[in-house]
């Protein structure tokens, strides 16, 4: 059984060791999510996120109806997996937030240049789910994360996407705690809308400025959250990695050309 601390990172390390030791050879499949969940005593969410990180590092390939297949190893891929995992999981939250500011400001600029209609739709979908969370259980941070992941995907830069995924897991608790700061989820949604408008307008400078302001707000809210005892709401007190947060649904929505109408329904129109 794996200790219940940074579970996803420990699952990542467990799978990486299986690959490095040759227990699973290139071309062979990893154990299924169900098998690893039972063997390691973690949730499927932990296993899924660990496999996604390995896929971003080009160590496995996830194929529909097949599963995760180990790729031919390269020294650089293994080195990157080991060094980046060790570094991110050993750093203080404040250091990671500082680095996140550097990465995400650049990602927003790239997204303004490269985002496809599908990318814009993913950002819009995340904002809609964020809005629904504010109206119901107020657990908005999964949708917040989905919005930032959509921007990373829109950048079309595989290295940047990989780095963002690797630092996201150590910051999960920070995102949950910040979600509890008074008015922080509402403020985050308003700022997401500003970033989205800049990206949709194909304005890299404006996107950088909007994301920089958003990161400054996120840093300030984390300082408030870290100085305040955690609020043990009924849902957050019960939530563990065996009880994963709600996921952003993947259903299709209106094309971004109708974004103004969609976001008017969110109360975010100009």
Protein backbone atom coordinates (compact mmCIF):
# COMPACT_ATOMS: atom_id res chain seq x y z
CA UNK A 1 0.00 0.00 0.00
CA UNK A 2 1.19 3.56 -0.79
CA UNK A 3 1.22 6.15 1.98
CA UNK A 4 -1.49 8.77 1.61
CA UNK A 5 0.84 11.66 0.90
CA UNK A 6 1.31 13.13 -2.57
CA UNK A 7 -0.35 10.00 -3.90
CA UNK A 8 -0.18 10.85 -7.57
CA UNK A 9 3.55 11.53 -7.41
CA UNK A 10 4.12 8.23 -5.64
CA UNK A 11 2.09 6.35 -8.24
CA UNK A 12 4.15 8.11 -10.91
CA UNK A 13 7.37 6.95 -9.23
CA UNK A 14 6.03 3.40 -8.84
CA UNK A 15 5.22 3.09 -12.55
CA UNK A 16 8.50 4.75 -13.55
CA UNK A 17 10.41 2.18 -11.47
CA UNK A 18 8.52 -0.67 -13.17
CA UNK A 19 9.63 0.71 -16.54
CA UNK A 20 13.23 1.46 -15.54
CA UNK A 21 13.72 -1.96 -13.94
CA UNK A 22 12.49 -3.75 -17.04
CA UNK A 23 9.54 -5.34 -15.27
CA UNK A 24 7.43 -3.82 -18.04
CA UNK A 25 9.16 -3.83 -21.43
CA UNK A 26 8.64 -1.45 -24.37
CA UNK A 27 5.58 -2.56 -26.28
CA UNK A 28 3.96 -4.07 -23.18
CA UNK A 29 0.92 -2.60 -21.47
CA UNK A 30 0.87 -1.13 -18.00
CA UNK A 31 -1.48 -2.76 -15.49
CA UNK A 32 -5.00 -1.43 -15.84
CA UNK A 33 -6.33 1.40 -13.70
CA UNK A 34 -8.43 -1.14 -11.81
CA UNK A 35 -5.40 -3.34 -11.13
CA UNK A 36 -3.21 -0.47 -9.93
CA UNK A 37 -6.01 0.94 -7.79
CA UNK A 38 -6.36 -2.40 -6.01
CA UNK A 39 -2.62 -3.02 -5.71
CA UNK A 40 -1.60 0.44 -4.49
CA UNK A 41 -4.67 1.42 -2.50
CA UNK A 42 -5.26 4.69 -4.34
CA UNK A 43 -8.08 6.13 -6.41
CA UNK A 44 -8.37 5.84 -10.17
CA UNK A 45 -7.87 9.60 -10.34
CA UNK A 46 -4.36 9.23 -8.90
CA UNK A 47 -3.49 6.48 -11.37
CA UNK A 48 -4.95 8.39 -14.30
CA UNK A 49 -3.03 11.57 -13.51
CA UNK A 50 0.23 9.67 -13.05
CA UNK A 51 -0.21 7.97 -16.43
CA UNK A 52 -1.00 11.32 -18.06
CA UNK A 53 2.28 12.70 -16.74
CA UNK A 54 4.18 9.68 -18.09
CA UNK A 55 2.47 10.14 -21.44
CA UNK A 56 3.48 13.82 -21.57
CA UNK A 57 7.08 12.71 -21.00
CA UNK A 58 6.87 10.28 -23.94
CA UNK A 59 7.35 7.21 -21.73
CA UNK A 60 3.97 5.65 -22.48
CA UNK A 61 1.32 5.95 -25.15
CA UNK A 62 -2.33 5.74 -24.16
CA UNK A 63 -4.43 4.10 -26.86
CA UNK A 64 -8.23 3.83 -26.92
CA UNK A 65 -9.49 0.34 -26.03
CA UNK A 66 -5.87 -0.78 -25.55
CA UNK A 67 -4.56 1.09 -22.53
CA UNK A 68 -1.16 2.53 -21.71
CA UNK A 69 1.70 0.97 -23.68
CA UNK A 70 5.34 1.51 -22.75
CA UNK A 71 7.38 3.22 -25.47
CA UNK A 72 11.01 2.63 -26.35
CA UNK A 73 13.06 4.28 -23.64
CA UNK A 74 15.52 7.07 -24.26
CA UNK A 75 18.05 8.31 -21.75
CA UNK A 76 16.70 11.85 -22.02
CA UNK A 77 13.09 10.78 -21.38
CA UNK A 78 14.02 8.85 -18.26
CA UNK A 79 16.27 11.66 -17.02
CA UNK A 80 13.54 14.24 -17.56
CA UNK A 81 10.98 12.09 -15.75
CA UNK A 82 13.23 11.52 -12.75
CA UNK A 83 14.65 15.01 -12.40
CA UNK A 84 11.45 16.95 -13.01
CA UNK A 85 9.41 14.74 -10.68
CA UNK A 86 11.99 14.92 -7.91
CA UNK A 87 12.36 18.67 -8.24
CA UNK A 88 8.68 19.62 -8.32
CA UNK A 89 7.72 17.40 -5.41
CA UNK A 90 10.54 18.71 -3.23
CA UNK A 91 9.85 22.41 -3.68
CA UNK A 92 7.87 24.74 -1.46
CA UNK A 93 4.48 25.86 -2.75
CA UNK A 94 5.58 29.50 -2.97
CA UNK A 95 8.46 28.56 -5.29
CA UNK A 96 6.13 26.60 -7.55
CA UNK A 97 3.64 29.46 -7.69
CA UNK A 98 6.43 31.81 -8.68
CA UNK A 99 7.46 29.45 -11.47
CA UNK A 100 3.84 28.99 -12.52
CA UNK A 101 3.60 32.76 -13.06
CA UNK A 102 6.53 32.63 -15.47
CA UNK A 103 5.16 29.65 -17.40
CA UNK A 104 1.51 30.63 -17.64
CA UNK A 105 2.07 34.21 -18.77
CA UNK A 106 4.01 32.82 -21.72
CA UNK A 107 1.40 30.15 -22.40
CA UNK A 108 -1.35 32.77 -22.60
CA UNK A 109 0.66 34.70 -25.19
CA UNK A 110 1.21 31.58 -27.30
CA UNK A 111 -2.45 30.61 -26.99
CA UNK A 112 -3.46 33.99 -28.40
CA UNK A 113 -1.41 33.18 -31.48
CA UNK A 114 -2.25 29.49 -31.90
CA UNK A 115 -5.59 28.62 -30.26
CA UNK A 116 -8.00 26.67 -32.42
CA UNK A 117 -11.80 26.84 -32.19
CA UNK A 118 -11.67 23.59 -30.24
CA UNK A 119 -9.23 25.13 -27.75
CA UNK A 120 -11.45 28.17 -27.28
CA UNK A 121 -14.43 25.87 -26.77
CA UNK A 122 -12.55 23.99 -24.05
CA UNK A 123 -11.81 27.27 -22.22
CA UNK A 124 -15.43 28.31 -22.54
CA UNK A 125 -16.65 24.94 -21.26
CA UNK A 126 -14.39 25.24 -18.21
CA UNK A 127 -15.80 28.68 -17.42
CA UNK A 128 -19.35 27.38 -17.70
CA UNK A 129 -18.59 24.56 -15.26
CA UNK A 130 -16.87 27.06 -12.95
CA UNK A 131 -20.03 29.18 -12.97
CA UNK A 132 -22.23 26.17 -12.18
CA UNK A 133 -19.97 25.27 -9.26
CA UNK A 134 -20.42 28.75 -7.81
CA UNK A 135 -24.18 28.23 -7.97
CA UNK A 136 -24.08 24.81 -6.30
CA UNK A 137 -21.35 23.29 -4.13
CA UNK A 138 -18.75 26.07 -4.72
CA UNK A 139 -16.04 23.48 -5.52
CA UNK A 140 -14.73 25.48 -8.45
CA UNK A 141 -11.05 24.53 -8.47
CA UNK A 142 -11.35 21.52 -10.86
CA UNK A 143 -12.87 23.85 -13.47
CA UNK A 144 -10.20 26.44 -12.69
CA UNK A 145 -7.50 23.85 -13.39
CA UNK A 146 -9.29 22.75 -16.58
CA UNK A 147 -9.24 26.35 -17.87
CA UNK A 148 -5.48 26.63 -17.40
CA UNK A 149 -4.92 23.21 -18.99
CA UNK A 150 -6.96 24.33 -22.00
CA UNK A 151 -4.69 27.36 -22.39
CA UNK A 152 -1.62 25.12 -22.19
CA UNK A 153 -3.06 22.84 -24.87
CA UNK A 154 -3.79 25.90 -27.01
CA UNK A 155 -0.13 26.93 -26.86
CA UNK A 156 0.77 23.84 -28.96
CA UNK A 157 4.11 23.68 -27.13
CA UNK A 158 4.62 20.11 -25.86
CA UNK A 159 7.43 21.06 -23.45
CA UNK A 160 5.36 23.78 -21.82
CA UNK A 161 2.37 21.44 -21.56
CA UNK A 162 4.57 18.80 -19.91
CA UNK A 163 6.02 21.25 -17.39
CA UNK A 164 2.60 22.63 -16.46
CA UNK A 165 1.25 19.12 -15.85
CA UNK A 166 4.23 18.20 -13.70
CA UNK A 167 3.83 21.20 -11.40
CA UNK A 168 0.02 20.96 -11.24
CA UNK A 169 -0.11 17.88 -9.00
CA UNK A 170 2.04 19.36 -6.18
CA UNK A 171 -0.22 22.44 -6.28
CA UNK A 172 -3.52 20.53 -5.95
CA UNK A 173 -3.85 21.24 -2.22
CA UNK A 174 -2.97 24.89 -2.79
CA UNK A 175 -5.74 25.18 -5.38
CA UNK A 176 -8.24 23.58 -2.99
CA UNK A 177 -7.27 25.89 -0.13
CA UNK A 178 -7.41 29.00 -2.31
CA UNK A 179 -10.92 27.96 -3.40
CA UNK A 180 -12.01 28.57 0.21
CA UNK A 181 -10.83 32.21 0.34
CA UNK A 182 -13.76 34.62 0.41
CA UNK A 183 -14.75 35.67 -3.14
CA UNK A 184 -11.66 34.01 -4.67
CA UNK A 185 -13.62 31.63 -6.98
CA UNK A 186 -15.76 34.52 -8.28
CA UNK A 187 -12.69 36.68 -8.80
CA UNK A 188 -10.95 33.84 -10.60
CA UNK A 189 -13.86 33.39 -13.02
CA UNK A 190 -13.94 37.10 -13.86
CA UNK A 191 -10.22 37.07 -14.57
CA UNK A 192 -10.50 33.89 -16.66
CA UNK A 193 -13.01 35.73 -18.82
CA UNK A 194 -10.52 38.59 -19.37
CA UNK A 195 -7.80 36.12 -20.34
CA UNK A 196 -10.21 34.30 -22.65
CA UNK A 197 -11.26 37.52 -24.41
CA UNK A 198 -7.63 38.43 -25.04
CA UNK A 199 -6.84 34.98 -26.45
CA UNK A 200 -9.98 34.96 -28.61
CA UNK A 201 -9.04 38.44 -29.91
CA UNK A 202 -5.62 37.07 -30.98
CA UNK A 203 -3.87 39.71 -28.87
CA UNK A 204 -0.71 38.18 -27.29
CA UNK A 205 0.28 41.32 -25.36
CA UNK A 206 -3.18 41.68 -23.87
CA UNK A 207 -3.28 37.97 -23.04
CA UNK A 208 0.07 38.23 -21.24
CA UNK A 209 -1.14 41.21 -19.22
CA UNK A 210 -4.43 39.53 -18.29
CA UNK A 211 -2.69 36.33 -17.22
CA UNK A 212 -0.04 38.23 -15.26
CA UNK A 213 -2.80 40.05 -13.34
CA UNK A 214 -4.56 36.74 -12.74
CA UNK A 215 -1.39 35.10 -11.42
CA UNK A 216 -0.81 38.06 -9.09
CA UNK A 217 -4.34 37.58 -7.74
CA UNK A 218 -3.79 33.83 -7.33
CA UNK A 219 -0.58 34.47 -5.42
CA UNK A 220 -2.29 36.99 -3.13
CA UNK A 221 -5.16 34.59 -2.44
CA UNK A 222 -2.70 31.81 -1.62
CA UNK A 223 -0.97 34.08 0.89
CA UNK A 224 -4.36 34.66 2.52
CA UNK A 225 -5.22 30.95 2.45
CA UNK A 226 -1.87 29.85 3.86
CA UNK A 227 -2.20 32.32 6.74
CA UNK A 228 -5.71 31.10 7.58
CA UNK A 229 -6.64 27.75 9.17
CA UNK A 230 -8.21 25.45 6.59
CA UNK A 231 -11.99 25.64 6.53
CA UNK A 232 -13.38 22.18 7.19
CA UNK A 233 -16.51 22.39 5.07
CA UNK A 234 -18.55 19.18 4.94
CA UNK A 235 -17.41 18.45 1.39
CA UNK A 236 -13.78 19.48 1.72
CA UNK A 237 -13.35 17.69 5.03
CA UNK A 238 -14.58 14.48 3.47
CA UNK A 239 -12.73 14.88 0.17
CA UNK A 240 -9.62 12.76 -0.27
CA UNK A 241 -7.86 11.31 -3.27
CA UNK A 242 -10.08 8.28 -2.86
CA UNK A 243 -13.00 10.69 -3.29
CA UNK A 244 -11.81 12.72 -6.30
CA UNK A 245 -13.12 16.19 -7.15
CA UNK A 246 -15.79 16.51 -9.82
CA UNK A 247 -14.40 16.45 -13.34
CA UNK A 248 -15.16 19.00 -16.03
CA UNK A 249 -17.56 17.29 -18.46
CA UNK A 250 -16.45 16.89 -22.05
CA UNK A 251 -19.80 17.38 -23.82
CA UNK A 252 -19.79 19.59 -26.90
CA UNK A 253 -20.90 23.20 -26.57
CA UNK A 254 -21.51 26.09 -28.92
CA UNK A 255 -18.62 27.19 -31.11
CA UNK A 256 -16.52 30.10 -29.81
CA UNK A 257 -18.08 32.38 -32.42
CA UNK A 258 -21.09 32.44 -30.09
CA UNK A 259 -18.98 33.04 -27.01
CA UNK A 260 -20.63 36.38 -26.19
CA UNK A 261 -24.08 34.76 -25.94
CA UNK A 262 -22.73 31.85 -23.89
CA UNK A 263 -20.85 34.11 -21.48
CA UNK A 264 -23.75 36.52 -21.15
CA UNK A 265 -25.50 33.61 -19.47
CA UNK A 266 -22.59 33.50 -17.03
CA UNK A 267 -23.05 37.15 -16.12
CA UNK A 268 -19.68 37.95 -17.67
CA UNK A 269 -20.63 39.92 -20.77
CA UNK A 270 -18.96 43.28 -21.41
